[in-house]
Amino acid sequence: MNVSIIKIGGNVIDFPEKLDEFLFLFSRLPGKKILVHGGGILASKFGENLGVMPQMVDGRRITDRDTLDIVTMVYAGLINKQIVAKLQSFRQNALGMTGADGNLIRSNKRPVKTIDYGFVGDIQEVNVNLLTYLLEDNIIPVISAITHDKKGQLLNTNADSIASELATALAVKHNVNLYYCFDKSGVLIDEKNENSIVPLINEDIYAELKKEEVIHSGMIPKLDNAFAALHKGVNHVWIGKAENLLLASKGKLSGTTIEKHRYDLY
């Protein structure tokens, strides 16, 4: 079975017209597919309105109890159901889920080391049988960035990591492509210049770009997840703008393609 896993973030979700345009493109993507979403910008706005100010470290959210309530309401409620409803209007039979639903994604609360991230989950297990059942029945899972520990505790979990873990879990038996859609044309040499795109990155290039401090902190977790997925059997990883998703799925030149060392490709 061929499966496409697409992750979108707040740069699409926070703008209704952009989200509608993306979901229309997503509906035209052929084959089995899964949509993973965050929504951190909108969650931050809701939190600020309620007097809960966002706390971020290296692009990752500190999740105390109040913040967990907010991200759960925004991710798993408002955003997730808006996406599902819109996909249904495009005749896409979508099912909105968190990691707790059907025991889809079990996580452990991140241990405290130098930073206490609060109620943040590190993924331990993916229910591949459930995903396979849904996909074979032509149902599109729409998965929000909330998981659980199987002890009754919900956990805020990085959506990029969720996409990567779903991809690697399914890649054991299926041909999986992973797409990260965000607000840039791809990985850029100059963050302010959309034409400075790096069309292909392998681990050697990645190490050099980090050494030269070309890659900004928000991109590093995406690339780390991309390489982790490739090493665990994912066929293809792509990073680029949401509006270029269909081009990327057809192998057209757009965005940044991520691959392992060249000697790993043969």
C-alpha atoms as a PDB file:
ATOM      1  CA  MET A   1       0.000   0.000   0.000  1.00  0.00           C
ATOM      2  CA  ASN A   2       1.284   3.469  -0.911  1.00  0.00           C
ATOM      3  CA  VAL A   3       0.686   6.067   1.812  1.00  0.00           C
ATOM      4  CA  SER A   4       1.299   9.823   1.866  1.00  0.00           C
ATOM      5  CA  ILE A   5       1.620  11.534   5.258  1.00  0.00           C
ATOM      6  CA  ILE A   6       1.285  15.313   5.176  1.00  0.00           C
ATOM      7  CA  LYS A   7       1.952  17.652   8.078  1.00  0.00           C
ATOM      8  CA  ILE A   8       0.663  21.241   8.126  1.00  0.00           C
ATOM      9  CA  GLY A   9       1.190  23.950  10.723  1.00  0.00           C
ATOM     10  CA  GLY A  10      -0.145  27.288  11.875  1.00  0.00           C
ATOM     11  CA  ASN A  11       1.052  29.136   8.776  1.00  0.00           C
ATOM     12  CA  VAL A  12      -1.765  27.388   6.883  1.00  0.00           C
ATOM     13  CA  ILE A  13      -4.239  26.757   9.677  1.00  0.00           C
ATOM     14  CA  ASP A  14      -4.409  30.351  10.915  1.00  0.00           C
ATOM     15  CA  PHE A  15      -5.631  31.705   7.575  1.00  0.00           C
ATOM     16  CA  PRO A  16      -9.044  30.345   6.485  1.00  0.00           C
ATOM     17  CA  GLU A  17      -8.484  31.029   2.774  1.00  0.00           C
ATOM     18  CA  LYS A  18      -5.063  29.344   2.809  1.00  0.00           C
ATOM     19  CA  LEU A  19      -6.472  26.387   4.702  1.00  0.00           C
ATOM     20  CA  ASP A  20      -9.352  25.991   2.242  1.00  0.00           C
ATOM     21  CA  GLU A  21      -6.949  26.153  -0.698  1.00  0.00           C
ATOM     22  CA  PHE A  22      -4.634  23.609   0.874  1.00  0.00           C
ATOM     23  CA  LEU A  23      -7.439  21.193   1.755  1.00  0.00           C
ATOM     24  CA  PHE A  24      -8.703  21.372  -1.828  1.00  0.00           C
ATOM     25  CA  LEU A  25      -5.202  20.439  -3.055  1.00  0.00           C
ATOM     26  CA  PHE A  26      -5.007  17.724  -0.412  1.00  0.00           C
ATOM     27  CA  SER A  27      -8.320  16.320  -1.629  1.00  0.00           C
ATOM     28  CA  ARG A  28      -6.798  15.932  -5.114  1.00  0.00           C
ATOM     29  CA  LEU A  29      -3.774  14.038  -3.838  1.00  0.00           C
ATOM     30  CA  PRO A  30      -4.226  10.455  -5.077  1.00  0.00           C
ATOM     31  CA  GLY A  31      -3.934   7.322  -2.978  1.00  0.00           C
ATOM     32  CA  LYS A  32      -4.060   6.639   0.741  1.00  0.00           C
ATOM     33  CA  LYS A  33      -3.222   9.629   2.907  1.00  0.00           C
ATOM     34  CA  ILE A  34      -2.991  10.937   6.444  1.00  0.00           C
ATOM     35  CA  LEU A  35      -3.070  14.580   7.549  1.00  0.00           C
ATOM     36  CA  VAL A  36      -1.239  15.653  10.717  1.00  0.00           C
ATOM     37  CA  HIS A  37      -1.701  19.157  12.083  1.00  0.00           C
ATOM     38  CA  GLY A  38      -0.572  21.422  14.867  1.00  0.00           C
ATOM     39  CA  GLY A  39      -1.949  24.897  15.412  1.00  0.00           C
ATOM     40  CA  GLY A  40       0.436  26.519  17.842  1.00  0.00           C
ATOM     41  CA  ILE A  41      -0.124  30.092  16.680  1.00  0.00           C
ATOM     42  CA  LEU A  42      -3.872  29.881  17.193  1.00  0.00           C
ATOM     43  CA  ALA A  43      -3.382  28.128  20.533  1.00  0.00           C
ATOM     44  CA  SER A  44      -1.082  30.949  21.646  1.00  0.00           C
ATOM     45  CA  LYS A  45      -3.721  33.533  20.701  1.00  0.00           C
ATOM     46  CA  PHE A  46      -6.424  31.697  22.636  1.00  0.00           C
ATOM     47  CA  GLY A  47      -4.081  31.357  25.600  1.00  0.00           C
ATOM     48  CA  GLU A  48      -3.224  35.057  25.606  1.00  0.00           C
ATOM     49  CA  ASN A  49      -6.941  35.907  25.551  1.00  0.00           C
ATOM     50  CA  LEU A  50      -7.323  33.752  28.653  1.00  0.00           C
ATOM     51  CA  GLY A  51      -4.271  35.198  30.365  1.00  0.00           C
ATOM     52  CA  VAL A  52      -2.037  32.185  29.708  1.00  0.00           C
ATOM     53  CA  MET A  53       1.087  33.464  27.979  1.00  0.00           C
ATOM     54  CA  PRO A  54       3.017  31.049  25.739  1.00  0.00           C
ATOM     55  CA  GLN A  55       6.471  29.953  26.874  1.00  0.00           C
ATOM     56  CA  MET A  56       8.832  28.681  24.163  1.00  0.00           C
ATOM     57  CA  VAL A  57      12.344  27.198  24.265  1.00  0.00           C
ATOM     58  CA  ASP A  58      14.132  26.559  20.949  1.00  0.00           C
ATOM     59  CA  GLY A  59      10.822  26.603  19.129  1.00  0.00           C
ATOM     60  CA  ARG A  60       9.190  24.100  21.495  1.00  0.00           C
ATOM     61  CA  ARG A  61       6.275  24.952  23.770  1.00  0.00           C
ATOM     62  CA  ILE A  62       6.429  24.609  27.545  1.00  0.00           C
ATOM     63  CA  THR A  63       3.131  22.945  28.451  1.00  0.00           C
ATOM     64  CA  ASP A  64       1.831  23.489  31.972  1.00  0.00           C
ATOM     65  CA  ARG A  65      -1.656  22.313  32.980  1.00  0.00           C
ATOM     66  CA  ASP A  66      -3.425  25.460  31.780  1.00  0.00           C
ATOM     67  CA  THR A  67      -1.583  25.370  28.471  1.00  0.00           C
ATOM     68  CA  LEU A  68      -2.422  21.686  28.036  1.00  0.00           C
ATOM     69  CA  ASP A  69      -6.133  22.502  28.406  1.00  0.00           C
ATOM     70  CA  ILE A  70      -5.842  25.224  25.778  1.00  0.00           C
ATOM     71  CA  VAL A  71      -3.889  23.210  23.194  1.00  0.00           C
ATOM     72  CA  THR A  72      -6.255  20.267  23.639  1.00  0.00           C
ATOM     73  CA  MET A  73      -9.294  22.465  23.030  1.00  0.00           C
ATOM     74  CA  VAL A  74      -7.728  24.215  20.048  1.00  0.00           C
ATOM     75  CA  TYR A  75      -5.901  21.317  18.375  1.00  0.00           C
ATOM     76  CA  ALA A  76      -8.256  18.421  19.039  1.00  0.00           C
ATOM     77  CA  GLY A  77     -11.442  20.485  19.016  1.00  0.00           C
ATOM     78  CA  LEU A  78     -11.704  23.638  16.943  1.00  0.00           C
ATOM     79  CA  ILE A  79      -8.966  23.079  14.353  1.00  0.00           C
ATOM     80  CA  ASN A  80      -9.417  19.349  13.939  1.00  0.00           C
ATOM     81  CA  LYS A  81     -13.159  19.504  13.382  1.00  0.00           C
ATOM     82  CA  GLN A  82     -12.928  22.491  11.029  1.00  0.00           C
ATOM     83  CA  ILE A  83     -10.489  20.514   8.873  1.00  0.00           C
ATOM     84  CA  VAL A  84     -12.629  17.384   8.927  1.00  0.00           C
ATOM     85  CA  ALA A  85     -15.770  19.323   7.991  1.00  0.00           C
ATOM     86  CA  LYS A  86     -14.021  21.027   5.083  1.00  0.00           C
ATOM     87  CA  LEU A  87     -12.621  17.746   3.779  1.00  0.00           C
ATOM     88  CA  GLN A  88     -16.091  16.232   3.909  1.00  0.00           C
ATOM     89  CA  SER A  89     -17.264  19.103   1.683  1.00  0.00           C
ATOM     90  CA  PHE A  90     -14.618  17.949  -0.825  1.00  0.00           C
ATOM     91  CA  ARG A  91     -16.033  14.397  -0.660  1.00  0.00           C
ATOM     92  CA  GLN A  92     -13.103  13.182   1.422  1.00  0.00           C
ATOM     93  CA  ASN A  93     -14.201  10.821   4.174  1.00  0.00           C
ATOM     94  CA  ALA A  94     -12.022  12.182   6.976  1.00  0.00           C
ATOM     95  CA  LEU A  95     -11.936  11.106  10.619  1.00  0.00           C
ATOM     96  CA  GLY A  96     -10.580  13.517  13.246  1.00  0.00           C
ATOM     97  CA  MET A  97      -8.430  11.925  15.938  1.00  0.00           C
ATOM     98  CA  THR A  98      -6.017  12.486  18.792  1.00  0.00           C
ATOM     99  CA  GLY A  99      -3.458   9.926  19.871  1.00  0.00           C
ATOM    100  CA  ALA A 100      -5.865   8.837  22.615  1.00  0.00           C
ATOM    101  CA  ASP A 101      -8.584   7.826  20.148  1.00  0.00           C
ATOM    102  CA  GLY A 102      -8.354   4.116  19.434  1.00  0.00           C
ATOM    103  CA  ASN A 103      -5.080   4.125  21.412  1.00  0.00           C
ATOM    104  CA  LEU A 104      -3.551   5.522  18.231  1.00  0.00           C
ATOM    105  CA  ILE A 105      -0.373   7.042  19.716  1.00  0.00           C
ATOM    106  CA  ARG A 106       1.004   6.258  23.163  1.00  0.00           C
ATOM    107  CA  SER A 107       3.615   8.593  24.621  1.00  0.00           C
ATOM    108  CA  ASN A 108       5.581   9.052  27.798  1.00  0.00           C
ATOM    109  CA  LYS A 109       5.789  12.398  29.550  1.00  0.00           C
ATOM    110  CA  ARG A 110       9.162  13.900  28.656  1.00  0.00           C
ATOM    111  CA  PRO A 111      11.591  13.521  31.578  1.00  0.00           C
ATOM    112  CA  VAL A 112      13.027  16.669  33.107  1.00  0.00           C
ATOM    113  CA  LYS A 113      16.664  17.240  32.176  1.00  0.00           C
ATOM    114  CA  THR A 114      17.950  20.778  31.724  1.00  0.00           C
ATOM    115  CA  ILE A 115      14.449  21.987  30.775  1.00  0.00           C
ATOM    116  CA  ASP A 116      11.063  20.992  32.191  1.00  0.00           C
ATOM    117  CA  TYR A 117       8.751  20.946  29.168  1.00  0.00           C
ATOM    118  CA  GLY A 118       5.742  20.039  31.301  1.00  0.00           C
ATOM    119  CA  PHE A 119       3.021  17.862  29.810  1.00  0.00           C
ATOM    120  CA  VAL A 120       4.851  17.088  26.587  1.00  0.00           C
ATOM    121  CA  GLY A 121       4.875  13.611  25.106  1.00  0.00           C
ATOM    122  CA  ASP A 122       7.682  11.565  23.599  1.00  0.00           C
ATOM    123  CA  ILE A 123       6.139   8.938  21.333  1.00  0.00           C
ATOM    124  CA  GLN A 124       6.557   5.287  22.314  1.00  0.00           C
ATOM    125  CA  GLU A 125       4.080   3.342  20.205  1.00  0.00           C
ATOM    126  CA  VAL A 126       1.814   3.752  17.170  1.00  0.00           C
ATOM    127  CA  ASN A 127      -1.272   1.611  16.586  1.00  0.00           C
ATOM    128  CA  VAL A 128      -0.396   0.543  13.037  1.00  0.00           C
ATOM    129  CA  ASN A 129      -3.286  -1.936  12.831  1.00  0.00           C
ATOM    130  CA  LEU A 130      -5.829   0.826  13.403  1.00  0.00           C
ATOM    131  CA  LEU A 131      -4.210   3.108  10.830  1.00  0.00           C
ATOM    132  CA  THR A 132      -4.064   0.301   8.283  1.00  0.00           C
ATOM    133  CA  TYR A 133      -7.712  -0.579   8.873  1.00  0.00           C
ATOM    134  CA  LEU A 134      -8.809   3.040   8.357  1.00  0.00           C
ATOM    135  CA  LEU A 135      -6.686   3.539   5.243  1.00  0.00           C
ATOM    136  CA  GLU A 136      -7.853   0.293   3.667  1.00  0.00           C
ATOM    137  CA  ASP A 137     -11.429   1.450   4.254  1.00  0.00           C
ATOM    138  CA  ASN A 138     -10.633   4.713   2.392  1.00  0.00           C
ATOM    139  CA  ILE A 139     -10.909   6.805   5.538  1.00  0.00           C
ATOM    140  CA  ILE A 140      -8.480   9.723   5.911  1.00  0.00           C
ATOM    141  CA  PRO A 141      -7.165  10.085   9.467  1.00  0.00           C
ATOM    142  CA  VAL A 142      -6.790  13.747  10.470  1.00  0.00           C
ATOM    143  CA  ILE A 143      -4.558  13.647  13.525  1.00  0.00           C
ATOM    144  CA  SER A 144      -4.017  16.502  15.970  1.00  0.00           C
ATOM    145  CA  ALA A 145      -0.869  17.006  18.038  1.00  0.00           C
ATOM    146  CA  ILE A 146      -2.241  15.440  21.226  1.00  0.00           C
ATOM    147  CA  THR A 147      -1.244  11.971  22.455  1.00  0.00           C
ATOM    148  CA  HIS A 148      -1.763  10.051  25.713  1.00  0.00           C
ATOM    149  CA  ASP A 149       0.194   7.904  28.171  1.00  0.00           C
ATOM    150  CA  LYS A 150      -2.460   5.145  28.522  1.00  0.00           C
ATOM    151  CA  LYS A 151      -2.801   6.153  32.185  1.00  0.00           C
ATOM    152  CA  GLY A 152      -5.358   8.885  31.610  1.00  0.00           C
ATOM    153  CA  GLN A 153      -2.976  11.746  30.881  1.00  0.00           C
ATOM    154  CA  LEU A 154      -3.113  13.717  27.624  1.00  0.00           C
ATOM    155  CA  LEU A 155       0.185  15.076  26.337  1.00  0.00           C
ATOM    156  CA  ASN A 156       1.048  17.893  23.957  1.00  0.00           C
ATOM    157  CA  THR A 157       3.244  16.324  21.272  1.00  0.00           C
ATOM    158  CA  ASN A 158       5.246  17.867  18.450  1.00  0.00           C
ATOM    159  CA  ALA A 159       3.282  17.471  15.206  1.00  0.00           C
ATOM    160  CA  ASP A 160       6.461  17.011  13.133  1.00  0.00           C
ATOM    161  CA  SER A 161       7.422  14.123  15.411  1.00  0.00           C
ATOM    162  CA  ILE A 162       3.959  12.605  15.112  1.00  0.00           C
ATOM    163  CA  ALA A 163       4.163  12.709  11.311  1.00  0.00           C
ATOM    164  CA  SER A 164       7.614  11.118  11.388  1.00  0.00           C
ATOM    165  CA  GLU A 165       6.617   8.365  13.829  1.00  0.00           C
ATOM    166  CA  LEU A 166       3.459   7.522  11.864  1.00  0.00           C
ATOM    167  CA  ALA A 167       5.537   7.340   8.695  1.00  0.00           C
ATOM    168  CA  THR A 168       8.178   5.050  10.172  1.00  0.00           C
ATOM    169  CA  ALA A 169       5.585   2.779  11.782  1.00  0.00           C
ATOM    170  CA  LEU A 170       3.728   2.328   8.500  1.00  0.00           C
ATOM    171  CA  ALA A 171       6.962   2.010   6.482  1.00  0.00           C
ATOM    172  CA  VAL A 172       7.614  -1.434   7.988  1.00  0.00           C
ATOM    173  CA  LYS A 173       5.025  -2.887   5.609  1.00  0.00           C
ATOM    174  CA  HIS A 174       4.097  -0.068   3.237  1.00  0.00           C
ATOM    175  CA  ASN A 175       5.629   2.428   0.832  1.00  0.00           C
ATOM    176  CA  VAL A 176       5.464   5.765   2.669  1.00  0.00           C
ATOM    177  CA  ASN A 177       6.174   9.326   1.552  1.00  0.00           C
ATOM    178  CA  LEU A 178       6.364  12.115   4.138  1.00  0.00           C
ATOM    179  CA  TYR A 179       5.613  15.775   3.351  1.00  0.00           C
ATOM    180  CA  TYR A 180       6.204  18.711   5.691  1.00  0.00           C
ATOM    181  CA  CYS A 181       4.238  21.779   4.535  1.00  0.00           C
ATOM    182  CA  PHE A 182       5.166  25.126   6.069  1.00  0.00           C
ATOM    183  CA  ASP A 183       5.522  28.827   5.220  1.00  0.00           C
ATOM    184  CA  LYS A 184       8.804  28.744   3.281  1.00  0.00           C
ATOM    185  CA  SER A 185       9.592  27.431  -0.193  1.00  0.00           C
ATOM    186  CA  GLY A 186      11.898  24.850   1.374  1.00  0.00           C
ATOM    187  CA  VAL A 187      15.126  24.900   3.339  1.00  0.00           C
ATOM    188  CA  LEU A 188      16.695  28.299   2.645  1.00  0.00           C
ATOM    189  CA  ILE A 189      20.280  29.554   2.772  1.00  0.00           C
ATOM    190  CA  ASP A 190      18.894  33.022   3.511  1.00  0.00           C
ATOM    191  CA  GLU A 191      15.684  32.894   5.518  1.00  0.00           C
ATOM    192  CA  LYS A 192      14.583  36.232   4.023  1.00  0.00           C
ATOM    193  CA  ASN A 193      15.220  35.172   0.409  1.00  0.00           C
ATOM    194  CA  GLU A 194      12.702  32.650  -0.961  1.00  0.00           C
ATOM    195  CA  ASN A 195      14.975  32.091  -3.981  1.00  0.00           C
ATOM    196  CA  SER A 196      17.852  30.789  -1.829  1.00  0.00           C
ATOM    197  CA  ILE A 197      16.293  27.333  -1.605  1.00  0.00           C
ATOM    198  CA  VAL A 198      18.432  24.227  -1.107  1.00  0.00           C
ATOM    199  CA  PRO A 199      16.790  21.701  -3.474  1.00  0.00           C
ATOM    200  CA  LEU A 200      18.412  18.617  -1.924  1.00  0.00           C
ATOM    201  CA  ILE A 201      19.920  17.935   1.493  1.00  0.00           C
ATOM    202  CA  ASN A 202      21.699  14.815   2.667  1.00  0.00           C
ATOM    203  CA  GLU A 203      23.322  14.325   6.058  1.00  0.00           C
ATOM    204  CA  ASP A 204      26.695  15.679   4.949  1.00  0.00           C
ATOM    205  CA  ILE A 205      25.129  18.859   3.582  1.00  0.00           C
ATOM    206  CA  TYR A 206      22.987  19.158   6.709  1.00  0.00           C
ATOM    207  CA  ALA A 207      26.018  18.913   8.995  1.00  0.00           C
ATOM    208  CA  GLU A 208      27.799  21.602   6.994  1.00  0.00           C
ATOM    209  CA  LEU A 209      24.793  23.943   7.014  1.00  0.00           C
ATOM    210  CA  LYS A 210      24.456  23.573  10.785  1.00  0.00           C
ATOM    211  CA  LYS A 211      28.186  24.165  11.259  1.00  0.00           C
ATOM    212  CA  GLU A 212      27.897  27.369   9.253  1.00  0.00           C
ATOM    213  CA  GLU A 213      24.773  28.311  11.278  1.00  0.00           C
ATOM    214  CA  VAL A 214      22.794  28.698   8.072  1.00  0.00           C
ATOM    215  CA  ILE A 215      19.795  26.699   9.286  1.00  0.00           C
ATOM    216  CA  HIS A 216      17.629  28.480  11.859  1.00  0.00           C
ATOM    217  CA  SER A 217      16.485  26.739  15.043  1.00  0.00           C
ATOM    218  CA  GLY A 218      12.914  26.125  13.882  1.00  0.00           C
ATOM    219  CA  MET A 219      14.090  24.093  10.891  1.00  0.00           C
ATOM    220  CA  ILE A 220      16.427  21.799  12.833  1.00  0.00           C
ATOM    221  CA  PRO A 221      13.673  19.660  14.458  1.00  0.00           C
ATOM    222  CA  LYS A 222      12.032  19.203  11.029  1.00  0.00           C
ATOM    223  CA  LEU A 223      15.262  17.992   9.446  1.00  0.00           C
ATOM    224  CA  ASP A 224      16.112  15.790  12.431  1.00  0.00           C
ATOM    225  CA  ASN A 225      12.701  14.139  12.095  1.00  0.00           C
ATOM    226  CA  ALA A 226      13.159  13.794   8.330  1.00  0.00           C
ATOM    227  CA  PHE A 227      16.465  11.948   8.650  1.00  0.00           C
ATOM    228  CA  ALA A 228      15.135   9.761  11.460  1.00  0.00           C
ATOM    229  CA  ALA A 229      12.238   8.735   9.206  1.00  0.00           C
ATOM    230  CA  LEU A 230      14.533   7.937   6.264  1.00  0.00           C
ATOM    231  CA  HIS A 231      16.744   5.737   8.424  1.00  0.00           C
ATOM    232  CA  LYS A 232      13.684   3.776   9.522  1.00  0.00           C
ATOM    233  CA  GLY A 233      12.425   2.946   6.045  1.00  0.00           C
ATOM    234  CA  VAL A 234      10.434   5.948   4.830  1.00  0.00           C
ATOM    235  CA  ASN A 235      10.777   6.226   1.070  1.00  0.00           C
ATOM    236  CA  HIS A 236      10.842   9.986   0.557  1.00  0.00           C
ATOM    237  CA  VAL A 237      10.752  13.178   2.661  1.00  0.00           C
ATOM    238  CA  TRP A 238       9.922  16.626   1.296  1.00  0.00           C
ATOM    239  CA  ILE A 239       9.761  20.102   2.868  1.00  0.00           C
ATOM    240  CA  GLY A 240       8.107  23.066   1.162  1.00  0.00           C
ATOM    241  CA  LYS A 241       5.119  25.329   0.779  1.00  0.00           C
ATOM    242  CA  ALA A 242       1.656  23.835   1.129  1.00  0.00           C
ATOM    243  CA  GLU A 243       0.609  25.121  -2.284  1.00  0.00           C
ATOM    244  CA  ASN A 244       3.374  23.043  -3.907  1.00  0.00           C
ATOM    245  CA  LEU A 245       2.237  19.737  -2.403  1.00  0.00           C
ATOM    246  CA  LEU A 246       0.748  18.363  -5.631  1.00  0.00           C
ATOM    247  CA  LEU A 247       3.854  19.305  -7.615  1.00  0.00           C
ATOM    248  CA  ALA A 248       6.032  17.557  -5.052  1.00  0.00           C
ATOM    249  CA  SER A 249       3.841  14.446  -5.095  1.00  0.00           C
ATOM    250  CA  LYS A 250       4.366  14.220  -8.864  1.00  0.00           C
ATOM    251  CA  GLY A 251       8.134  14.548  -8.553  1.00  0.00           C
ATOM    252  CA  LYS A 252       8.225  18.071  -9.936  1.00  0.00           C
ATOM    253  CA  LEU A 253      11.050  20.373  -8.869  1.00  0.00           C
ATOM    254  CA  SER A 254       9.783  22.299  -5.852  1.00  0.00           C
ATOM    255  CA  GLY A 255      10.758  22.565  -2.218  1.00  0.00           C
ATOM    256  CA  THR A 256      13.579  20.602  -0.611  1.00  0.00           C
ATOM    257  CA  THR A 257      14.027  16.851  -0.911  1.00  0.00           C
ATOM    258  CA  ILE A 258      15.748  15.122   2.010  1.00  0.00           C
ATOM    259  CA  GLU A 259      17.864  12.008   1.489  1.00  0.00           C
ATOM    260  CA  LYS A 260      20.429   9.987   3.432  1.00  0.00           C
ATOM    261  CA  HIS A 261      24.114   9.722   2.548  1.00  0.00           C
ATOM    262  CA  ARG A 262      24.528   8.833  -1.105  1.00  0.00           C
ATOM    263  CA  TYR A 263      26.173   5.538  -0.238  1.00  0.00           C
ATOM    264  CA  ASP A 264      22.988   4.581   1.606  1.00  0.00           C
ATOM    265  CA  LEU A 265      20.934   4.963  -1.538  1.00  0.00           C
ATOM    266  CA  TYR A 266      22.332   1.932  -3.339  1.00  0.00           C
END
